[in-house]
Protein backbone atom coordinates (compact mmCIF):
# COMPACT_ATOMS: atom_id res chain seq x y z
CA MET A 1 0.00 0.00 0.00
CA ALA A 2 1.06 3.61 -0.62
CA THR A 3 0.64 6.54 1.69
CA LYS A 4 -0.87 9.74 0.33
CA VAL A 5 -1.20 13.10 2.03
CA SER A 6 -3.71 15.91 1.65
CA LEU A 7 -3.39 19.38 3.18
CA GLU A 8 -6.38 21.35 4.44
CA GLY A 9 -6.02 25.13 4.65
CA LYS A 10 -8.48 27.97 5.22
CA ARG A 11 -9.86 28.20 1.67
CA VAL A 12 -8.35 25.23 -0.15
CA VAL A 13 -7.64 21.55 0.26
CA LEU A 14 -4.69 20.07 -1.61
CA VAL A 15 -5.37 16.43 -2.47
CA PRO A 16 -3.43 13.81 -4.45
CA TYR A 17 -4.09 13.76 -8.20
CA MET A 18 -6.42 10.78 -8.61
CA ALA A 19 -7.77 8.99 -11.67
CA ASP A 20 -11.22 10.45 -10.91
CA HIS A 21 -9.79 13.93 -11.48
CA VAL A 22 -8.48 13.21 -14.98
CA PRO A 23 -11.62 13.87 -17.10
CA LYS A 24 -12.13 17.34 -15.63
CA TYR A 25 -8.41 18.11 -15.80
CA HIS A 26 -8.45 17.02 -19.45
CA HIS A 27 -11.40 19.35 -20.08
CA TRP A 28 -9.45 22.27 -18.60
CA MET A 29 -6.50 21.57 -20.84
CA GLN A 30 -8.58 21.98 -23.98
CA ASP A 31 -8.55 25.72 -23.24
CA SER A 32 -5.93 27.39 -25.44
CA ALA A 33 -5.42 30.19 -22.90
CA LEU A 34 -4.59 27.68 -20.13
CA LEU A 35 -2.28 25.77 -22.45
CA GLN A 36 -0.42 28.97 -23.25
CA ALA A 37 -0.28 30.12 -19.63
CA THR A 38 1.09 26.77 -18.44
CA GLY A 39 3.33 26.11 -21.42
CA SER A 40 1.54 22.79 -22.03
CA GLU A 41 0.73 20.75 -25.08
CA PRO A 42 -2.77 19.31 -25.65
CA LEU A 43 -3.07 15.61 -24.80
CA SER A 44 -5.67 12.97 -25.54
CA LEU A 45 -7.72 11.66 -22.62
CA GLU A 46 -5.73 8.42 -22.72
CA GLN A 47 -2.46 10.37 -22.58
CA GLU A 48 -3.83 12.39 -19.66
CA TYR A 49 -4.50 9.18 -17.70
CA GLU A 50 -0.95 8.03 -18.46
CA MET A 51 0.39 11.39 -17.30
CA GLN A 52 -1.57 11.14 -14.05
CA ILE A 53 0.09 7.79 -13.32
CA SER A 54 3.50 9.18 -14.25
CA TRP A 55 3.12 12.21 -11.97
CA THR A 56 2.05 10.14 -8.97
CA ARG A 57 4.93 7.68 -9.37
CA ASP A 58 7.77 10.10 -10.12
CA PRO A 59 9.88 10.58 -6.95
CA ASN A 60 11.05 13.97 -8.22
CA LYS A 61 7.55 15.42 -8.51
CA ARG A 62 4.82 16.33 -6.08
CA THR A 63 1.45 17.29 -7.46
CA PHE A 64 -1.79 18.22 -5.73
CA ILE A 65 -5.22 19.02 -7.08
CA VAL A 66 -6.55 22.22 -5.54
CA LEU A 67 -10.07 22.00 -4.12
CA ASP A 68 -12.05 25.17 -3.47
CA LYS A 69 -13.70 24.60 -0.07
CA ASP A 70 -16.64 26.79 -1.12
CA PHE A 71 -17.73 24.06 -3.55
CA ILE A 72 -17.25 20.92 -1.48
CA LYS A 73 -20.67 19.32 -1.11
CA GLY A 74 -21.49 17.91 2.30
CA GLU A 75 -18.74 16.84 4.66
CA LEU A 76 -15.10 16.96 3.59
CA ALA A 77 -14.25 13.27 3.17
CA HIS A 78 -10.49 12.94 3.03
CA GLY A 79 -9.28 10.43 0.50
CA GLU A 80 -12.24 11.21 -1.77
CA PRO A 81 -11.64 13.17 -5.01
CA HIS A 82 -14.41 15.79 -4.54
CA VAL A 83 -14.39 16.45 -8.28
CA GLN A 84 -17.11 19.10 -7.99
CA ALA A 85 -14.71 21.29 -6.00
CA MET A 86 -11.69 20.93 -8.33
CA THR A 87 -10.28 24.35 -9.18
CA GLY A 88 -6.69 23.82 -10.31
CA ASP A 89 -3.41 22.19 -9.42
CA VAL A 90 -0.09 23.00 -7.75
CA ASN A 91 3.15 21.14 -8.45
CA ILE A 92 6.83 21.07 -7.62
CA TYR A 93 9.58 19.49 -9.72
CA MET A 94 12.96 18.59 -8.28
CA ASN A 95 14.76 18.49 -11.62
CA ASP A 96 18.13 20.09 -10.81
CA ALA A 97 20.70 17.30 -11.15
CA ASP A 98 23.32 19.41 -9.40
CA ASP A 99 21.12 20.21 -6.41
CA PRO A 100 18.13 17.96 -5.59
CA LYS A 101 17.02 20.42 -2.90
CA VAL A 102 15.95 22.97 -5.52
CA ALA A 103 12.32 22.75 -6.66
CA GLU A 104 10.42 24.44 -9.44
CA VAL A 105 6.88 25.36 -8.40
CA GLU A 106 3.81 25.80 -10.62
CA ILE A 107 0.24 26.88 -9.88
CA MET A 108 -2.88 26.85 -12.04
CA ILE A 109 -6.32 28.08 -11.00
CA ALA A 110 -8.38 26.84 -13.92
CA GLU A 111 -11.93 27.58 -12.76
CA PRO A 112 -12.98 31.22 -13.35
CA ARG A 113 -15.40 31.05 -10.39
CA SER A 114 -12.44 30.46 -8.06
CA ARG A 115 -10.14 33.21 -9.32
CA GLY A 116 -9.55 36.42 -7.40
CA LYS A 117 -10.11 34.71 -4.03
CA GLY A 118 -6.50 34.23 -2.98
CA LEU A 119 -6.57 30.48 -3.62
CA GLY A 120 -3.42 30.54 -5.76
CA LYS A 121 -1.43 32.30 -3.06
CA GLU A 122 -2.61 29.96 -0.31
CA SER A 123 -1.94 26.87 -2.46
CA VAL A 124 1.61 27.93 -3.35
CA LEU A 125 2.48 28.79 0.25
CA MET A 126 1.09 25.47 1.51
CA MET A 127 3.05 23.57 -1.13
CA MET A 128 6.25 25.47 -0.30
CA ALA A 129 5.79 24.88 3.42
CA TYR A 130 5.19 21.17 2.78
CA ALA A 131 8.31 20.96 0.61
CA VAL A 132 10.50 22.78 3.12
CA LYS A 133 9.39 20.53 5.97
CA ASN A 134 9.27 17.17 4.20
CA LEU A 135 11.78 17.52 1.36
CA GLU A 136 14.22 20.06 2.87
CA ILE A 137 13.96 22.30 -0.18
CA HIS A 138 16.21 25.37 0.18
CA LYS A 139 15.43 27.18 -3.08
CA PHE A 140 12.31 27.48 -5.21
CA THR A 141 12.17 28.59 -8.82
CA ALA A 142 9.27 29.50 -11.08
CA LYS A 143 9.30 29.79 -14.87
CA ILE A 144 6.49 32.01 -16.12
CA GLY A 145 5.60 33.33 -19.56
CA ASP A 146 6.11 37.08 -19.78
CA SER A 147 2.46 37.56 -20.83
CA ASN A 148 1.15 35.78 -17.71
CA THR A 149 0.95 38.94 -15.63
CA ALA A 150 -1.27 37.42 -12.94
CA SER A 151 1.23 34.66 -12.10
CA LEU A 152 4.20 37.03 -12.28
CA SER A 153 2.45 39.37 -9.85
CA LEU A 154 1.58 36.51 -7.48
CA PHE A 155 5.10 35.11 -7.26
CA ARG A 156 6.71 38.53 -6.90
CA LYS A 157 4.35 39.34 -4.02
CA LEU A 158 5.45 36.09 -2.38
CA GLY A 159 9.06 37.26 -2.48
CA PHE A 160 10.33 35.61 -5.67
CA GLU A 161 12.89 37.69 -7.56
CA GLU A 162 13.73 37.61 -11.25
CA SER A 163 16.94 35.73 -12.00
CA SER A 164 16.85 35.45 -15.79
CA TYR A 165 14.79 36.03 -18.91
CA SER A 166 14.61 33.95 -22.09
CA SER A 167 13.83 36.03 -25.14
CA ILE A 168 13.51 32.82 -27.18
CA PHE A 169 10.80 31.31 -24.96
CA LYS A 170 9.55 34.72 -23.71
CA GLU A 171 9.82 33.32 -20.19
CA VAL A 172 10.86 34.83 -16.88
CA THR A 173 12.67 32.71 -14.28
CA LEU A 174 12.10 33.75 -10.66
CA GLU A 175 13.89 32.47 -7.55
CA TYR A 176 13.07 32.29 -3.85
CA MET A 177 15.89 31.47 -1.43
CA VAL A 178 14.71 29.78 1.77
CA THR A 179 16.58 31.76 4.40
CA ASN A 180 16.32 30.81 8.07
CA LEU A 181 13.68 33.50 8.57
CA ARG A 182 11.63 32.36 5.59
CA ARG A 183 11.89 28.74 6.67
CA ALA A 184 10.54 29.64 10.10
CA GLU A 185 7.67 31.61 8.53
CA LEU A 186 6.73 28.76 6.21
CA LEU A 187 6.83 26.18 8.98
CA LYS A 188 4.68 28.45 11.17
CA LEU A 189 2.13 28.53 8.36
CA LEU A 190 1.76 24.76 8.78
CA ASP A 191 0.41 25.35 12.28
CA GLU A 192 -2.86 26.38 10.58
CA VAL A 193 -2.86 23.51 8.07
CA ILE A 194 -4.35 20.09 8.84
CA THR A 195 -2.45 17.18 7.33
CA HIS A 196 -4.50 14.11 6.45
CA THR A 197 -2.77 10.80 5.70
CA HIS A 198 -4.47 8.16 3.54
CA TRP A 199 -3.42 4.57 2.98
CA LEU A 200 -3.93 3.63 -0.66
CA ASP A 201 -3.66 0.28 -2.46
CA ASN A 202 -2.09 2.00 -5.47
CA GLN A 203 -0.46 5.29 -6.33
CA SER A 204 -3.55 7.46 -6.56
CA ASP A 205 -6.83 5.74 -5.76
CA SER A 206 -8.88 3.49 -3.45
CA LEU A 207 -9.06 4.85 0.08
CA LEU A 208 -8.64 1.98 2.52
CA THR A 209 -8.22 3.72 5.84
CA GLY A 210 -7.53 7.23 6.96
CA GLU A 211 -6.47 9.17 9.98
CA THR A 212 -6.18 12.85 10.70
CA ILE A 213 -3.11 14.37 12.30
CA ALA A 214 -2.97 18.01 13.31
């Protein structure tokens, strides 16, 4: 069995990317504006299912589906996909061969009804705090298209600073160094986040048992 974690904040819940999420995620990624903003290529539904498996099994990636708590119907059942509340995703990639403690972070709020509510900011901070505590990440990067003003504004407000610009890809690279002060601030943020651990019989599905740990 595999262990999966979800993180419950004030406005969002970050849950593992499950097979049940794939059809809606695939629907989002038919939007040309989202494809451009995320630098993604369109995939078939079958390819999207394959990607979901790949993401959940890759030790150098962590991906969460963002749930908007305003749209969770009934009780919040941890380990369930709550597809009706899906609003986006947040990911980190540890793809620096020279330093595995560097992570690239990405955020997408795909549902228009959930934009402008601060969900992107909360999701990124929760992901960063999780990565600092559990993966000992000491630097975060973000690569953002220069036309994606909303994401550039978000990351700069979080303290990311521009480190380079690619005129070929029209992409800005931002960096966030985890100083001792920033580490303490991120870990303090986790005091207000509830971590839920689920025991799964595969990489992304089938809740068997669950327990809540504050």
